[in-house]
N, C-alpha and C. Protein backbone atom coordinates (compact mmCIF):
# COMPACT_ATOMS: atom_id res chain seq x y z
N MET A 1 -4.76 -10.97 -13.31
CA MET A 1 -4.09 -11.53 -12.16
C MET A 1 -3.44 -12.84 -12.57
N ALA A 2 -2.17 -12.97 -12.30
CA ALA A 2 -1.44 -14.16 -12.69
C ALA A 2 -1.78 -15.34 -11.79
N SER A 3 -1.60 -15.17 -10.48
CA SER A 3 -1.90 -16.24 -9.55
C SER A 3 -1.96 -15.69 -8.13
N VAL A 4 -2.50 -16.50 -7.27
CA VAL A 4 -2.58 -16.10 -5.85
C VAL A 4 -1.16 -16.00 -5.29
N ARG A 5 -0.30 -16.89 -5.70
CA ARG A 5 1.08 -16.88 -5.22
C ARG A 5 1.78 -15.58 -5.61
N GLU A 6 1.59 -15.13 -6.84
CA GLU A 6 2.20 -13.88 -7.30
C GLU A 6 1.61 -12.68 -6.56
N LEU A 7 0.33 -12.73 -6.28
CA LEU A 7 -0.31 -11.65 -5.54
C LEU A 7 0.28 -11.54 -4.14
N LYS A 8 0.50 -12.67 -3.50
CA LYS A 8 1.12 -12.66 -2.17
C LYS A 8 2.54 -12.11 -2.23
N LYS A 9 3.27 -12.47 -3.26
CA LYS A 9 4.62 -11.95 -3.43
C LYS A 9 4.60 -10.44 -3.65
N ASP A 10 3.64 -9.96 -4.42
CA ASP A 10 3.50 -8.52 -4.65
C ASP A 10 3.19 -7.79 -3.35
N ILE A 11 2.30 -8.38 -2.55
CA ILE A 11 1.95 -7.78 -1.26
C ILE A 11 3.20 -7.65 -0.40
N ASP A 12 3.93 -8.75 -0.27
CA ASP A 12 5.15 -8.72 0.56
C ASP A 12 6.16 -7.71 0.03
N TYR A 13 6.38 -7.71 -1.27
CA TYR A 13 7.37 -6.82 -1.86
C TYR A 13 7.03 -5.36 -1.60
N LEU A 14 5.80 -4.97 -1.87
CA LEU A 14 5.42 -3.57 -1.73
C LEU A 14 5.41 -3.11 -0.28
N ILE A 15 4.93 -3.95 0.61
CA ILE A 15 4.92 -3.57 2.03
C ILE A 15 6.34 -3.48 2.58
N PHE A 16 7.19 -4.40 2.17
CA PHE A 16 8.57 -4.35 2.64
C PHE A 16 9.32 -3.16 2.05
N GLU A 17 8.91 -2.68 0.89
CA GLU A 17 9.49 -1.45 0.34
C GLU A 17 9.11 -0.25 1.20
N VAL A 18 7.88 -0.20 1.66
CA VAL A 18 7.45 0.88 2.54
C VAL A 18 8.27 0.85 3.83
N ILE A 19 8.40 -0.33 4.42
CA ILE A 19 9.15 -0.46 5.67
C ILE A 19 10.62 -0.12 5.45
N SER A 20 11.17 -0.55 4.33
CA SER A 20 12.56 -0.24 4.01
C SER A 20 12.76 1.26 3.88
N ASP A 21 11.84 1.93 3.22
CA ASP A 21 11.94 3.38 3.09
C ASP A 21 11.83 4.08 4.44
N CYS A 22 11.05 3.52 5.34
CA CYS A 22 10.96 4.08 6.70
C CYS A 22 12.30 3.96 7.41
N PHE A 23 12.96 2.82 7.26
CA PHE A 23 14.27 2.65 7.88
C PHE A 23 15.31 3.58 7.25
N VAL A 24 15.23 3.77 5.95
CA VAL A 24 16.14 4.71 5.29
C VAL A 24 15.91 6.11 5.82
N TYR A 25 14.66 6.50 5.96
CA TYR A 25 14.34 7.82 6.49
C TYR A 25 14.91 8.00 7.90
N SER A 26 14.74 6.97 8.75
CA SER A 26 15.26 7.08 10.11
C SER A 26 16.79 7.09 10.13
N GLY A 27 17.42 6.46 9.14
CA GLY A 27 18.88 6.50 9.05
C GLY A 27 19.39 7.84 8.57
N VAL A 28 18.68 8.46 7.66
CA VAL A 28 19.07 9.76 7.12
C VAL A 28 18.79 10.87 8.13
N HIS A 29 17.72 10.72 8.89
CA HIS A 29 17.32 11.72 9.89
C HIS A 29 17.31 11.09 11.28
N PRO A 30 18.50 10.75 11.83
CA PRO A 30 18.52 10.08 13.14
C PRO A 30 18.03 10.96 14.28
N GLU A 31 18.09 12.27 14.10
CA GLU A 31 17.63 13.18 15.15
C GLU A 31 16.11 13.21 15.26
N ASN A 32 15.44 12.75 14.23
CA ASN A 32 13.97 12.78 14.20
C ASN A 32 13.43 11.40 14.57
N LYS A 33 13.27 11.12 15.82
CA LYS A 33 12.69 9.86 16.29
C LYS A 33 11.19 10.04 16.42
N SER A 34 10.54 10.02 15.30
CA SER A 34 9.12 10.33 15.23
C SER A 34 8.26 9.13 15.59
N ASP A 35 7.23 9.37 16.38
CA ASP A 35 6.25 8.33 16.66
C ASP A 35 5.44 8.02 15.40
N GLU A 36 5.31 9.03 14.53
CA GLU A 36 4.58 8.83 13.28
C GLU A 36 5.28 7.81 12.40
N LEU A 37 6.60 7.79 12.41
CA LEU A 37 7.34 6.82 11.61
C LEU A 37 7.08 5.40 12.09
N SER A 38 7.09 5.19 13.38
CA SER A 38 6.79 3.86 13.90
C SER A 38 5.32 3.49 13.67
N THR A 39 4.44 4.48 13.66
CA THR A 39 3.04 4.24 13.36
C THR A 39 2.86 3.81 11.91
N ILE A 40 3.59 4.44 11.01
CA ILE A 40 3.52 4.07 9.59
C ILE A 40 3.98 2.63 9.41
N MET A 41 5.08 2.27 10.05
CA MET A 41 5.59 0.90 9.92
C MET A 41 4.61 -0.11 10.52
N SER A 42 4.03 0.22 11.65
CA SER A 42 3.05 -0.66 12.28
C SER A 42 1.81 -0.82 11.40
N ASP A 43 1.35 0.29 10.84
CA ASP A 43 0.19 0.24 9.94
C ASP A 43 0.49 -0.59 8.69
N ALA A 44 1.73 -0.50 8.20
CA ALA A 44 2.12 -1.28 7.02
C ALA A 44 2.07 -2.77 7.32
N VAL A 45 2.57 -3.16 8.48
CA VAL A 45 2.55 -4.58 8.85
C VAL A 45 1.12 -5.06 9.04
N ASN A 46 0.30 -4.27 9.69
CA ASN A 46 -1.10 -4.65 9.88
C ASN A 46 -1.84 -4.73 8.55
N PHE A 47 -1.54 -3.81 7.64
CA PHE A 47 -2.15 -3.81 6.31
C PHE A 47 -1.75 -5.07 5.55
N ARG A 48 -0.47 -5.43 5.64
CA ARG A 48 0.02 -6.65 4.98
C ARG A 48 -0.70 -7.87 5.52
N ASN A 49 -0.79 -7.98 6.83
CA ASN A 49 -1.46 -9.13 7.44
C ASN A 49 -2.93 -9.21 7.04
N ASP A 50 -3.58 -8.08 6.96
CA ASP A 50 -4.98 -8.04 6.53
C ASP A 50 -5.13 -8.51 5.09
N LEU A 51 -4.25 -8.03 4.21
CA LEU A 51 -4.34 -8.42 2.80
C LEU A 51 -4.06 -9.91 2.62
N ILE A 52 -3.06 -10.44 3.32
CA ILE A 52 -2.75 -11.87 3.21
C ILE A 52 -3.93 -12.70 3.70
N ALA A 53 -4.56 -12.27 4.78
CA ALA A 53 -5.74 -12.99 5.28
C ALA A 53 -6.87 -12.95 4.25
N ARG A 54 -7.04 -11.80 3.60
CA ARG A 54 -8.08 -11.70 2.57
C ARG A 54 -7.77 -12.59 1.37
N VAL A 55 -6.51 -12.67 0.98
CA VAL A 55 -6.13 -13.52 -0.15
C VAL A 55 -6.35 -14.99 0.19
N ASN A 56 -6.08 -15.37 1.41
CA ASN A 56 -6.22 -16.77 1.82
C ASN A 56 -7.67 -17.19 1.99
N ASN A 57 -8.58 -16.24 2.13
CA ASN A 57 -9.99 -16.57 2.36
C ASN A 57 -10.89 -15.81 1.39
N PRO A 58 -10.90 -16.21 0.11
CA PRO A 58 -11.71 -15.48 -0.87
C PRO A 58 -13.21 -15.73 -0.70
N ASP A 59 -13.99 -14.75 -1.14
CA ASP A 59 -15.45 -14.89 -1.14
C ASP A 59 -15.89 -15.64 -2.40
N GLY A 60 -16.98 -16.37 -2.31
CA GLY A 60 -17.58 -17.02 -3.46
C GLY A 60 -16.71 -18.06 -4.13
N LYS A 61 -16.20 -18.99 -3.36
CA LYS A 61 -15.27 -19.98 -3.90
C LYS A 61 -15.87 -20.83 -5.02
N ASP A 62 -17.18 -20.90 -5.09
CA ASP A 62 -17.83 -21.74 -6.09
C ASP A 62 -17.93 -21.07 -7.46
N ASN A 63 -17.92 -19.76 -7.50
CA ASN A 63 -18.11 -19.03 -8.74
C ASN A 63 -16.79 -18.36 -9.16
N PRO A 64 -16.18 -18.79 -10.26
CA PRO A 64 -14.89 -18.23 -10.69
C PRO A 64 -14.93 -16.73 -10.99
N LYS A 65 -16.06 -16.24 -11.48
CA LYS A 65 -16.16 -14.80 -11.77
C LYS A 65 -16.10 -13.97 -10.49
N ILE A 66 -16.77 -14.46 -9.45
CA ILE A 66 -16.75 -13.75 -8.18
C ILE A 66 -15.35 -13.76 -7.59
N VAL A 67 -14.67 -14.89 -7.68
CA VAL A 67 -13.31 -15.01 -7.14
C VAL A 67 -12.36 -14.08 -7.89
N LYS A 68 -12.47 -14.03 -9.21
CA LYS A 68 -11.61 -13.16 -10.00
C LYS A 68 -11.84 -11.69 -9.63
N ALA A 69 -13.09 -11.30 -9.49
CA ALA A 69 -13.41 -9.92 -9.10
C ALA A 69 -12.90 -9.63 -7.69
N TYR A 70 -12.99 -10.62 -6.82
CA TYR A 70 -12.51 -10.47 -5.44
C TYR A 70 -11.01 -10.19 -5.41
N TYR A 71 -10.24 -10.97 -6.18
CA TYR A 71 -8.79 -10.77 -6.21
C TYR A 71 -8.41 -9.47 -6.88
N LYS A 72 -9.18 -9.03 -7.86
CA LYS A 72 -8.92 -7.72 -8.47
C LYS A 72 -9.14 -6.61 -7.45
N THR A 73 -10.14 -6.77 -6.60
CA THR A 73 -10.39 -5.79 -5.55
C THR A 73 -9.25 -5.77 -4.54
N VAL A 74 -8.75 -6.95 -4.18
CA VAL A 74 -7.62 -7.02 -3.25
C VAL A 74 -6.40 -6.34 -3.86
N GLU A 75 -6.17 -6.58 -5.15
CA GLU A 75 -5.03 -5.97 -5.83
C GLU A 75 -5.16 -4.45 -5.87
N LYS A 76 -6.36 -3.97 -6.13
CA LYS A 76 -6.61 -2.53 -6.15
C LYS A 76 -6.40 -1.93 -4.76
N ASP A 77 -6.90 -2.61 -3.73
CA ASP A 77 -6.71 -2.15 -2.35
C ASP A 77 -5.24 -2.11 -1.97
N LEU A 78 -4.48 -3.08 -2.47
CA LEU A 78 -3.03 -3.10 -2.22
C LEU A 78 -2.38 -1.84 -2.77
N MET A 79 -2.67 -1.52 -4.00
CA MET A 79 -2.04 -0.36 -4.64
C MET A 79 -2.44 0.95 -3.96
N THR A 80 -3.72 1.11 -3.64
CA THR A 80 -4.15 2.35 -3.00
C THR A 80 -3.60 2.45 -1.57
N GLY A 81 -3.57 1.32 -0.86
CA GLY A 81 -3.06 1.33 0.50
C GLY A 81 -1.58 1.64 0.58
N VAL A 82 -0.80 1.05 -0.31
CA VAL A 82 0.64 1.32 -0.34
C VAL A 82 0.89 2.76 -0.73
N ASP A 83 0.11 3.27 -1.67
CA ASP A 83 0.25 4.67 -2.07
C ASP A 83 -0.01 5.59 -0.88
N LYS A 84 -1.03 5.29 -0.09
CA LYS A 84 -1.34 6.11 1.09
C LYS A 84 -0.20 6.06 2.11
N LEU A 85 0.41 4.88 2.28
CA LEU A 85 1.53 4.76 3.21
C LEU A 85 2.73 5.59 2.74
N PHE A 86 3.02 5.55 1.44
CA PHE A 86 4.11 6.35 0.90
C PHE A 86 3.81 7.85 1.01
N ILE A 87 2.55 8.23 0.85
CA ILE A 87 2.18 9.64 1.00
C ILE A 87 2.41 10.09 2.44
N ARG A 88 2.06 9.24 3.39
CA ARG A 88 2.30 9.59 4.80
C ARG A 88 3.79 9.74 5.09
N LEU A 89 4.61 8.86 4.51
CA LEU A 89 6.05 8.94 4.69
C LEU A 89 6.60 10.21 4.03
N SER A 90 6.09 10.55 2.87
CA SER A 90 6.51 11.78 2.19
C SER A 90 6.12 13.01 3.00
N ALA A 91 4.99 12.96 3.67
CA ALA A 91 4.57 14.09 4.49
C ALA A 91 5.55 14.30 5.64
N LEU A 92 6.13 13.25 6.17
CA LEU A 92 7.15 13.40 7.21
C LEU A 92 8.37 14.12 6.66
N THR A 93 8.73 13.79 5.44
CA THR A 93 9.87 14.43 4.81
C THR A 93 9.60 15.91 4.60
N GLU A 94 8.38 16.24 4.21
CA GLU A 94 8.01 17.64 4.01
C GLU A 94 8.03 18.42 5.33
N LYS A 95 7.62 17.78 6.41
CA LYS A 95 7.64 18.43 7.72
C LYS A 95 9.07 18.76 8.14
N LYS A 96 10.00 17.91 7.72
CA LYS A 96 11.40 18.05 8.11
C LYS A 96 12.02 19.31 7.53
N LYS A 97 11.56 19.74 6.35
CA LYS A 97 12.18 20.90 5.67
C LYS A 97 11.92 22.17 6.37
């Protein structure tokens, strides 16, 4: 992990990519005004807010090893959570076919 600042930037970048892809999907398929699409975007924003709150309030501030492990867990959760959001968006595309 490079820094907390970089982690926050990564969180913002990845979540905004999910939201951007949702807007692209709605632009390509304007006839499909899915509630699931708005749910995905809402979940992405809530996930982002949760991760930022976790980054701002680490556990075990006195022990550097605990803090490092904590941020690695946050980073892992970011990757798995974004992957799940993209899978949900891909499932909408599959339903469309």
